[in-house]
N, C-alpha and C. Protein backbone atom coordinates (compact mmCIF):
# COMPACT_ATOMS: atom_id res chain seq x y z
N MET A 1 -0.47 -17.06 -40.63
CA MET A 1 0.19 -17.46 -39.41
C MET A 1 -0.86 -17.72 -38.29
N ARG A 2 -0.89 -18.69 -37.62
CA ARG A 2 -1.82 -19.11 -36.54
C ARG A 2 -1.00 -19.15 -35.21
N LEU A 3 -1.49 -18.49 -34.18
CA LEU A 3 -0.95 -18.55 -32.92
C LEU A 3 -1.66 -19.66 -31.98
N SER A 4 -0.76 -20.38 -31.27
CA SER A 4 -1.46 -21.27 -30.28
C SER A 4 -2.41 -20.52 -29.37
N LEU A 5 -3.33 -21.08 -28.69
CA LEU A 5 -4.28 -20.48 -27.77
C LEU A 5 -3.46 -19.77 -26.64
N PRO A 6 -2.37 -20.48 -26.00
CA PRO A 6 -1.69 -19.89 -24.82
C PRO A 6 -0.98 -18.59 -25.42
N LEU A 7 -0.34 -18.68 -26.54
CA LEU A 7 0.33 -17.45 -27.11
C LEU A 7 -0.57 -16.36 -27.46
N ALA A 8 -1.71 -16.67 -28.04
CA ALA A 8 -2.69 -15.56 -28.26
C ALA A 8 -3.17 -14.86 -27.09
N PHE A 9 -3.41 -15.73 -25.92
CA PHE A 9 -3.81 -15.05 -24.68
C PHE A 9 -2.74 -14.15 -24.18
N ALA A 10 -1.49 -14.67 -24.24
CA ALA A 10 -0.37 -13.93 -23.69
C ALA A 10 -0.20 -12.61 -24.52
N ALA A 11 -0.37 -12.72 -25.84
CA ALA A 11 -0.24 -11.56 -26.71
C ALA A 11 -1.31 -10.58 -26.36
N LEU A 12 -2.49 -11.04 -26.09
CA LEU A 12 -3.69 -10.22 -25.86
C LEU A 12 -3.57 -9.50 -24.42
N PHE A 13 -2.96 -10.33 -23.43
CA PHE A 13 -2.68 -9.78 -22.13
C PHE A 13 -1.66 -8.66 -22.16
N ALA A 14 -0.50 -8.89 -22.91
CA ALA A 14 0.52 -7.91 -22.97
C ALA A 14 -0.03 -6.57 -23.63
N PHE A 15 -0.82 -6.73 -24.68
CA PHE A 15 -1.36 -5.62 -25.42
C PHE A 15 -2.33 -4.86 -24.40
N SER A 16 -3.26 -5.58 -23.79
CA SER A 16 -4.22 -4.94 -22.96
C SER A 16 -3.67 -4.22 -21.73
N SER A 17 -2.53 -4.87 -21.15
CA SER A 17 -1.93 -4.21 -19.96
C SER A 17 -1.30 -2.90 -20.34
N GLN A 18 -0.75 -2.75 -21.61
CA GLN A 18 -0.17 -1.60 -21.99
C GLN A 18 -1.29 -0.52 -22.24
N VAL A 19 -2.37 -1.03 -22.88
CA VAL A 19 -3.45 -0.06 -23.22
C VAL A 19 -4.22 0.47 -22.00
N SER A 20 -4.47 -0.37 -20.99
CA SER A 20 -5.36 -0.07 -19.94
C SER A 20 -4.76 0.14 -18.70
N ALA A 21 -3.61 0.93 -18.75
CA ALA A 21 -2.87 1.17 -17.43
C ALA A 21 -3.75 1.93 -16.39
N LYS A 22 -3.63 1.46 -15.23
CA LYS A 22 -4.61 1.98 -14.15
C LYS A 22 -3.58 2.70 -13.00
N ASN A 23 -4.11 3.68 -12.49
CA ASN A 23 -3.45 4.45 -11.38
C ASN A 23 -3.71 3.55 -10.08
N LEU A 24 -3.18 3.96 -8.99
CA LEU A 24 -3.17 3.28 -7.70
C LEU A 24 -4.71 3.10 -7.28
N VAL A 25 -5.45 4.06 -7.39
CA VAL A 25 -6.84 3.94 -6.97
C VAL A 25 -7.57 2.95 -7.79
N GLU A 26 -7.47 3.05 -9.16
CA GLU A 26 -8.17 2.06 -9.99
C GLU A 26 -7.69 0.69 -9.76
N THR A 27 -6.31 0.45 -9.58
CA THR A 27 -5.68 -0.85 -9.37
C THR A 27 -6.22 -1.44 -8.01
N MET A 28 -6.32 -0.61 -7.01
CA MET A 28 -6.82 -1.05 -5.75
C MET A 28 -8.35 -1.47 -5.80
N LYS A 29 -9.09 -0.65 -6.63
CA LYS A 29 -10.59 -1.01 -6.74
C LYS A 29 -10.69 -2.27 -7.52
N SER A 30 -9.91 -2.49 -8.55
CA SER A 30 -10.06 -3.78 -9.26
C SER A 30 -9.52 -5.07 -8.53
N ALA A 31 -8.65 -4.83 -7.46
CA ALA A 31 -8.12 -5.94 -6.67
C ALA A 31 -9.26 -6.33 -5.71
N ASP A 32 -10.23 -5.57 -5.40
CA ASP A 32 -11.45 -6.04 -4.63
C ASP A 32 -11.04 -6.43 -3.18
N GLN A 33 -9.85 -5.94 -2.66
CA GLN A 33 -9.52 -6.28 -1.24
C GLN A 33 -9.20 -4.99 -0.41
N PHE A 34 -9.34 -3.82 -1.04
CA PHE A 34 -8.91 -2.57 -0.54
C PHE A 34 -10.13 -1.59 -0.30
N ALA A 35 -11.39 -2.10 -0.20
CA ALA A 35 -12.52 -1.21 -0.13
C ALA A 35 -12.30 -0.26 1.16
N ILE A 36 -11.93 -0.85 2.33
CA ILE A 36 -11.76 -0.02 3.56
C ILE A 36 -10.64 1.08 3.31
N LEU A 37 -9.46 0.58 2.84
CA LEU A 37 -8.50 1.64 2.61
C LEU A 37 -8.83 2.66 1.68
N LEU A 38 -9.58 2.40 0.60
CA LEU A 38 -10.09 3.36 -0.28
C LEU A 38 -11.13 4.31 0.31
N ARG A 39 -11.92 3.81 1.14
CA ARG A 39 -13.00 4.68 1.87
C ARG A 39 -12.25 5.60 2.87
N ALA A 40 -11.13 4.98 3.63
CA ALA A 40 -10.45 5.88 4.60
C ALA A 40 -9.70 6.88 3.80
N ALA A 41 -9.11 6.57 2.69
CA ALA A 41 -8.27 7.44 1.88
C ALA A 41 -9.26 8.57 1.39
N ALA A 42 -10.42 8.30 0.83
CA ALA A 42 -11.33 9.21 0.41
C ALA A 42 -11.85 10.21 1.56
N THR A 43 -12.03 9.61 2.73
CA THR A 43 -12.45 10.40 3.93
C THR A 43 -11.41 11.37 4.34
N ALA A 44 -10.16 10.92 4.22
CA ALA A 44 -8.93 11.77 4.46
C ALA A 44 -8.47 12.76 3.41
N GLY A 45 -9.12 12.55 2.24
CA GLY A 45 -8.77 13.52 1.16
C GLY A 45 -7.48 12.91 0.42
N MET A 46 -6.98 11.72 0.75
CA MET A 46 -5.73 11.20 0.15
C MET A 46 -5.92 10.43 -1.15
N ASP A 47 -7.26 10.12 -1.49
CA ASP A 47 -7.49 9.43 -2.73
C ASP A 47 -7.05 10.17 -3.85
N LYS A 48 -7.04 11.52 -3.91
CA LYS A 48 -6.68 12.41 -4.94
C LYS A 48 -5.14 12.14 -5.18
N MET A 49 -4.31 12.00 -4.06
CA MET A 49 -2.87 11.77 -4.16
C MET A 49 -2.56 10.52 -4.83
N PHE A 50 -3.33 9.44 -4.59
CA PHE A 50 -3.10 8.07 -5.11
C PHE A 50 -3.40 8.12 -6.70
N ALA A 51 -4.11 9.22 -7.12
CA ALA A 51 -4.44 9.23 -8.59
C ALA A 51 -3.45 10.22 -9.33
N GLU A 52 -2.57 10.89 -8.55
CA GLU A 52 -1.62 11.72 -9.20
C GLU A 52 -0.53 10.94 -9.82
N PRO A 53 0.40 11.68 -10.55
CA PRO A 53 1.47 10.93 -11.33
C PRO A 53 2.41 10.13 -10.44
N GLY A 54 2.75 10.66 -9.30
CA GLY A 54 3.66 10.02 -8.38
C GLY A 54 5.15 9.98 -8.88
N PRO A 55 5.76 8.83 -8.72
CA PRO A 55 5.39 7.57 -8.25
C PRO A 55 5.30 7.43 -6.76
N TYR A 56 4.45 6.56 -6.35
CA TYR A 56 4.25 6.23 -4.85
C TYR A 56 4.36 4.71 -4.61
N THR A 57 4.82 4.32 -3.48
CA THR A 57 4.68 2.98 -3.00
C THR A 57 3.64 3.06 -1.80
N VAL A 58 2.64 2.13 -1.93
CA VAL A 58 1.58 2.13 -1.00
C VAL A 58 1.72 0.74 -0.40
N PHE A 59 1.86 0.70 0.95
CA PHE A 59 1.77 -0.49 1.74
C PHE A 59 0.38 -0.57 2.13
N ALA A 60 -0.44 -1.45 1.44
CA ALA A 60 -1.83 -1.45 1.43
C ALA A 60 -2.38 -2.48 2.30
N PRO A 61 -2.97 -2.12 3.50
CA PRO A 61 -3.66 -3.16 4.27
C PRO A 61 -4.89 -3.57 3.56
N THR A 62 -5.11 -4.91 3.72
CA THR A 62 -6.41 -5.38 3.09
C THR A 62 -7.66 -5.13 3.97
N ASP A 63 -8.80 -5.42 3.46
CA ASP A 63 -10.01 -5.29 4.36
C ASP A 63 -9.91 -6.04 5.57
N ALA A 64 -9.38 -7.39 5.43
CA ALA A 64 -9.28 -8.22 6.46
C ALA A 64 -8.25 -7.57 7.60
N ALA A 65 -7.20 -6.99 7.11
CA ALA A 65 -6.26 -6.24 8.09
C ALA A 65 -6.99 -5.16 8.82
N PHE A 66 -7.78 -4.31 8.22
CA PHE A 66 -8.59 -3.26 8.87
C PHE A 66 -9.59 -3.85 9.87
N ASN A 67 -10.21 -5.01 9.49
CA ASN A 67 -11.22 -5.66 10.30
C ASN A 67 -10.56 -6.38 11.54
N ALA A 68 -9.21 -6.52 11.39
CA ALA A 68 -8.60 -7.12 12.63
C ALA A 68 -8.21 -6.01 13.78
N LEU A 69 -8.33 -4.77 13.33
CA LEU A 69 -8.09 -3.71 14.38
C LEU A 69 -8.99 -3.87 15.54
N PRO A 70 -8.63 -3.39 16.79
CA PRO A 70 -9.51 -3.44 17.95
C PRO A 70 -10.88 -2.96 17.60
N PRO A 71 -11.86 -3.54 18.17
CA PRO A 71 -13.27 -3.11 17.91
C PRO A 71 -13.47 -1.64 18.09
N GLY A 72 -13.99 -0.97 17.24
CA GLY A 72 -14.39 0.46 17.23
C GLY A 72 -13.21 1.30 16.85
N LYS A 73 -12.06 0.81 16.59
CA LYS A 73 -10.95 1.77 16.11
C LYS A 73 -11.07 2.38 14.89
N LEU A 74 -11.51 1.54 13.93
CA LEU A 74 -11.76 2.00 12.57
C LEU A 74 -12.89 3.07 12.55
N ASP A 75 -14.03 2.88 13.32
CA ASP A 75 -15.20 3.77 13.28
C ASP A 75 -14.61 5.11 13.91
N MET A 76 -13.81 5.01 14.96
CA MET A 76 -13.22 6.26 15.61
C MET A 76 -12.42 6.98 14.68
N LEU A 77 -11.47 6.33 13.91
CA LEU A 77 -10.65 7.04 13.00
C LEU A 77 -11.33 7.74 11.93
N MET A 78 -12.57 7.17 11.54
CA MET A 78 -13.24 7.75 10.40
C MET A 78 -14.11 9.05 10.84
N LYS A 79 -14.16 9.35 12.08
CA LYS A 79 -14.84 10.55 12.55
C LYS A 79 -14.11 11.80 12.25
N PRO A 80 -14.90 12.91 11.81
CA PRO A 80 -14.18 14.16 11.45
C PRO A 80 -13.26 14.67 12.54
N GLU A 81 -13.54 14.40 13.75
CA GLU A 81 -12.59 14.99 14.82
C GLU A 81 -11.28 14.25 14.87
N ASN A 82 -11.18 13.05 14.22
CA ASN A 82 -9.95 12.26 14.32
C ASN A 82 -9.27 12.21 12.91
N MET A 83 -9.52 13.14 12.06
CA MET A 83 -9.03 13.26 10.72
C MET A 83 -7.51 13.34 10.74
N GLY A 84 -6.89 13.99 11.66
CA GLY A 84 -5.47 14.26 11.77
C GLY A 84 -4.83 12.84 12.13
N GLU A 85 -5.39 12.04 12.95
CA GLU A 85 -4.83 10.68 13.24
C GLU A 85 -5.05 9.76 12.05
N LEU A 86 -6.23 9.85 11.42
CA LEU A 86 -6.36 9.03 10.15
C LEU A 86 -5.41 9.29 9.15
N LYS A 87 -5.09 10.70 8.77
CA LYS A 87 -4.10 10.96 7.79
C LYS A 87 -2.76 10.59 8.18
N LYS A 88 -2.38 10.58 9.46
CA LYS A 88 -1.18 10.16 9.96
C LYS A 88 -0.93 8.74 9.67
N ILE A 89 -1.99 7.81 10.06
CA ILE A 89 -1.84 6.42 9.84
C ILE A 89 -1.81 6.19 8.37
N LEU A 90 -2.63 6.75 7.50
CA LEU A 90 -2.62 6.49 6.07
C LEU A 90 -1.23 6.91 5.56
N GLY A 91 -0.79 8.09 5.92
CA GLY A 91 0.47 8.53 5.38
C GLY A 91 1.67 7.69 5.78
N TYR A 92 1.52 6.96 6.89
CA TYR A 92 2.53 6.05 7.40
C TYR A 92 2.67 4.70 6.45
N HIS A 93 1.66 4.67 5.59
CA HIS A 93 1.72 3.53 4.62
C HIS A 93 2.13 3.91 3.20
N VAL A 94 2.63 5.16 3.04
CA VAL A 94 3.00 5.59 1.69
C VAL A 94 4.43 6.14 1.62
N LEU A 95 5.23 5.72 0.54
CA LEU A 95 6.52 6.17 0.47
C LEU A 95 6.47 6.99 -1.01
N PHE A 96 7.14 8.15 -1.05
CA PHE A 96 7.43 8.77 -2.37
C PHE A 96 8.37 7.84 -3.15
N GLY A 97 8.07 7.55 -4.38
CA GLY A 97 8.89 6.72 -5.35
C GLY A 97 8.37 5.33 -5.25
N ARG A 98 8.87 4.56 -6.28
CA ARG A 98 8.35 3.19 -6.47
C ARG A 98 9.47 2.17 -5.88
N LEU A 99 9.00 1.38 -4.86
CA LEU A 99 9.86 0.49 -4.20
C LEU A 99 9.34 -0.87 -4.35
N THR A 100 9.94 -1.77 -5.12
CA THR A 100 9.55 -3.16 -5.28
C THR A 100 10.35 -4.04 -4.36
N THR A 101 9.94 -5.16 -4.15
CA THR A 101 10.58 -6.08 -3.19
C THR A 101 11.98 -6.47 -3.86
N LYS A 102 12.10 -6.40 -5.13
CA LYS A 102 13.34 -6.71 -5.82
C LYS A 102 14.43 -5.62 -5.55
N ASP A 103 13.92 -4.44 -5.19
CA ASP A 103 14.83 -3.34 -4.88
C ASP A 103 15.50 -3.54 -3.46
N LEU A 104 14.83 -4.43 -2.64
CA LEU A 104 15.52 -4.56 -1.30
C LEU A 104 16.70 -5.54 -1.42
N VAL A 105 17.91 -4.92 -1.27
CA VAL A 105 19.14 -5.73 -1.34
C VAL A 105 19.63 -6.09 0.01
N ALA A 106 19.44 -5.34 1.00
CA ALA A 106 19.87 -5.64 2.33
C ALA A 106 18.81 -6.47 3.10
N GLU A 107 19.33 -7.23 4.05
CA GLU A 107 18.32 -8.04 4.90
C GLU A 107 17.36 -7.11 5.63
N LYS A 108 17.90 -5.99 6.13
CA LYS A 108 17.15 -5.10 6.79
C LYS A 108 17.54 -3.69 6.35
N SER A 109 16.44 -2.74 6.08
CA SER A 109 16.63 -1.43 5.63
C SER A 109 15.52 -0.60 6.23
N ALA A 110 15.77 0.68 6.16
CA ALA A 110 14.61 1.66 6.58
C ALA A 110 14.28 2.54 5.38
N ALA A 111 13.13 3.03 5.47
CA ALA A 111 12.51 4.01 4.43
C ALA A 111 11.62 4.97 5.15
N THR A 112 11.65 6.19 4.66
CA THR A 112 10.90 7.29 5.37
C THR A 112 9.58 7.37 4.55
N THR A 113 8.57 7.48 5.38
CA THR A 113 7.21 7.55 4.81
C THR A 113 6.81 8.99 4.45
N THR A 114 5.67 9.22 3.79
CA THR A 114 5.25 10.59 3.38
C THR A 114 5.03 11.43 4.58
N ILE A 115 4.93 10.83 5.84
CA ILE A 115 4.74 11.80 7.02
C ILE A 115 6.04 11.92 7.71
N GLY A 116 7.19 11.59 7.16
CA GLY A 116 8.56 11.69 7.68
C GLY A 116 8.96 10.73 8.72
N MET A 117 8.06 9.69 8.94
CA MET A 117 8.41 8.67 10.08
C MET A 117 9.01 7.38 9.27
N PRO A 118 10.00 6.78 9.96
CA PRO A 118 10.60 5.55 9.20
C PRO A 118 9.80 4.35 9.41
N ILE A 119 9.90 3.52 8.46
CA ILE A 119 9.45 2.00 8.53
C ILE A 119 10.61 1.14 8.35
N VAL A 120 10.62 -0.06 8.86
CA VAL A 120 11.67 -1.02 8.74
C VAL A 120 11.21 -2.21 7.85
N LEU A 121 12.03 -2.33 6.82
CA LEU A 121 11.75 -3.36 5.88
C LEU A 121 12.81 -4.44 5.97
N GLU A 122 12.30 -5.79 6.11
CA GLU A 122 13.21 -6.83 6.34
C GLU A 122 12.86 -8.02 5.45
N LYS A 123 13.91 -8.63 4.80
CA LYS A 123 13.80 -9.80 4.01
C LYS A 123 14.06 -10.97 5.02
N LYS A 124 13.15 -11.90 5.19
CA LYS A 124 13.38 -13.00 6.01
C LYS A 124 13.95 -14.17 5.31
N ASP A 125 14.62 -15.11 6.02
CA ASP A 125 15.25 -16.30 5.36
C ASP A 125 14.30 -17.06 4.49
N ASP A 126 12.93 -17.06 4.87
CA ASP A 126 11.99 -17.90 4.10
C ASP A 126 11.56 -17.13 2.99
N GLY A 127 12.10 -16.00 2.69
CA GLY A 127 11.62 -15.20 1.50
C GLY A 127 10.60 -14.14 1.78
N ALA A 128 9.98 -14.30 2.96
CA ALA A 128 9.00 -13.22 3.26
C ALA A 128 9.60 -11.84 3.45
N VAL A 129 8.80 -10.80 3.22
CA VAL A 129 9.28 -9.39 3.37
C VAL A 129 8.34 -8.79 4.41
N MET A 130 8.96 -8.24 5.44
CA MET A 130 8.16 -7.67 6.56
C MET A 130 8.32 -6.24 6.42
N VAL A 131 7.28 -5.52 6.76
CA VAL A 131 7.22 -4.04 7.00
C VAL A 131 6.75 -3.83 8.36
N ASN A 132 7.81 -3.39 9.30
CA ASN A 132 7.64 -3.49 10.67
C ASN A 132 7.15 -4.80 11.10
N ASP A 133 5.97 -4.93 11.66
CA ASP A 133 5.49 -6.29 12.07
C ASP A 133 4.40 -6.78 11.17
N SER A 134 4.26 -6.27 9.89
CA SER A 134 3.31 -6.73 8.85
C SER A 134 4.05 -7.43 7.81
N GLU A 135 3.40 -8.55 7.30
CA GLU A 135 4.01 -9.21 6.15
C GLU A 135 3.40 -8.67 4.86
N ILE A 136 4.28 -8.58 3.87
CA ILE A 136 3.78 -8.31 2.62
C ILE A 136 3.07 -9.57 1.98
N ALA A 137 1.76 -9.61 1.97
CA ALA A 137 1.09 -10.83 1.59
C ALA A 137 1.11 -11.11 0.03
N GLN A 138 1.08 -9.90 -0.66
CA GLN A 138 1.24 -9.96 -2.11
C GLN A 138 2.11 -8.89 -2.48
N PRO A 139 3.22 -9.09 -3.10
CA PRO A 139 4.24 -7.98 -3.46
C PRO A 139 4.03 -7.42 -4.85
N ASP A 140 4.45 -6.27 -4.96
CA ASP A 140 4.75 -5.59 -6.29
C ASP A 140 3.54 -5.58 -7.23
N ILE A 141 2.40 -5.09 -6.82
CA ILE A 141 1.16 -4.93 -7.61
C ILE A 141 1.36 -3.65 -8.34
N ALA A 142 1.52 -3.82 -9.68
CA ALA A 142 1.88 -2.57 -10.39
C ALA A 142 0.74 -1.61 -10.72
N ALA A 143 1.00 -0.40 -10.76
CA ALA A 143 0.14 0.67 -11.17
C ALA A 143 0.86 1.60 -12.00
N ASP A 144 0.23 2.34 -12.86
CA ASP A 144 0.98 3.29 -13.70
C ASP A 144 1.67 4.49 -13.02
N ASN A 145 1.29 4.68 -11.69
CA ASN A 145 1.81 5.68 -10.94
C ASN A 145 2.44 5.24 -9.58
N GLY A 146 2.79 3.95 -9.58
CA GLY A 146 3.42 3.47 -8.45
C GLY A 146 3.33 1.86 -8.27
N VAL A 147 3.48 1.43 -7.07
CA VAL A 147 3.32 0.05 -6.83
C VAL A 147 2.64 -0.24 -5.44
N ILE A 148 1.86 -1.23 -5.43
CA ILE A 148 1.17 -1.57 -4.17
C ILE A 148 1.83 -2.81 -3.55
N GLN A 149 2.15 -2.70 -2.28
CA GLN A 149 2.46 -3.92 -1.48
C GLN A 149 1.47 -4.25 -0.45
N MET A 150 0.75 -5.36 -0.74
CA MET A 150 -0.42 -5.75 0.05
C MET A 150 0.07 -6.24 1.39
N LEU A 151 -0.53 -5.74 2.46
CA LEU A 151 -0.12 -6.04 3.82
C LEU A 151 -1.18 -6.74 4.54
N ASP A 152 -0.81 -7.54 5.51
CA ASP A 152 -1.71 -8.49 6.27
C ASP A 152 -2.07 -7.78 7.54
N ARG A 153 -1.48 -6.55 7.85
CA ARG A 153 -1.81 -5.79 8.98
C ARG A 153 -1.76 -4.35 8.77
N VAL A 154 -2.50 -3.54 9.56
CA VAL A 154 -2.45 -2.04 9.44
C VAL A 154 -1.23 -1.64 10.22
N LEU A 155 -0.34 -0.72 9.65
CA LEU A 155 0.80 -0.12 10.34
C LEU A 155 0.31 0.98 11.16
N ILE A 156 0.67 1.02 12.35
CA ILE A 156 0.38 2.14 13.34
C ILE A 156 1.61 2.75 13.66
N PRO A 157 1.75 4.07 13.37
CA PRO A 157 3.01 4.71 13.70
C PRO A 157 3.16 4.87 15.29
N ALA A 158 4.45 4.72 15.62
CA ALA A 158 4.67 4.91 17.05
C ALA A 158 4.37 6.43 17.50
N LYS A 159 3.90 6.39 18.65
CA LYS A 159 3.56 7.79 19.31
C LYS A 159 4.88 8.45 19.68
N PRO A 160 5.01 9.66 19.34
CA PRO A 160 6.29 10.36 19.78
C PRO A 160 6.43 10.50 21.25
N VAL A 161 7.70 10.30 21.80
CA VAL A 161 7.86 10.36 23.14
C VAL A 161 7.76 11.87 23.56
N GLN A 162 6.85 12.09 24.50
CA GLN A 162 6.63 13.46 25.07
C GLN A 162 7.77 13.75 26.12
N PRO A 163 8.38 14.90 25.93
CA PRO A 163 9.48 15.30 26.94
C PRO A 163 8.85 15.56 28.12
N LYS A 164 9.55 15.17 29.24
CA LYS A 164 9.11 15.47 30.63
C LYS A 164 9.27 16.87 30.90
N THR A 165 8.29 17.52 31.68
CA THR A 165 8.33 18.86 31.97
C THR A 165 8.61 19.04 33.49
């Protein structure tokens, strides 16, 4: 029996994707667009979580999204004295469980991040899916311990309202 070239490649791809499953960290490394996110996660000690069984949904800003932050913001966040803020921002990009864009049935819904703060997910009429004010640029990048939703912006959690004294 002889397979056509396209069928042979499809069979090889199906076999290799089962054999070489990658966790979230390995998947982000191979995508070559998340170097800043991976460096920030390592600095905050969150890279270990991305390698655990999960599952997790990571709303992953690209390097371009991080580079669009105000000048000096990323450098400020990477300093040891700002580790709490960095962890909060990174945690705001992660959900417990695997959430794909196909799972979104309502036009607008909310999900709670790993830091306990909500994000708003919205399906637009043109098919775009928004997370707060960021668009999912590439949806549903599968990893063996979760899914990555590539974002075009960094999500910044709202500052809590301080009670007046």
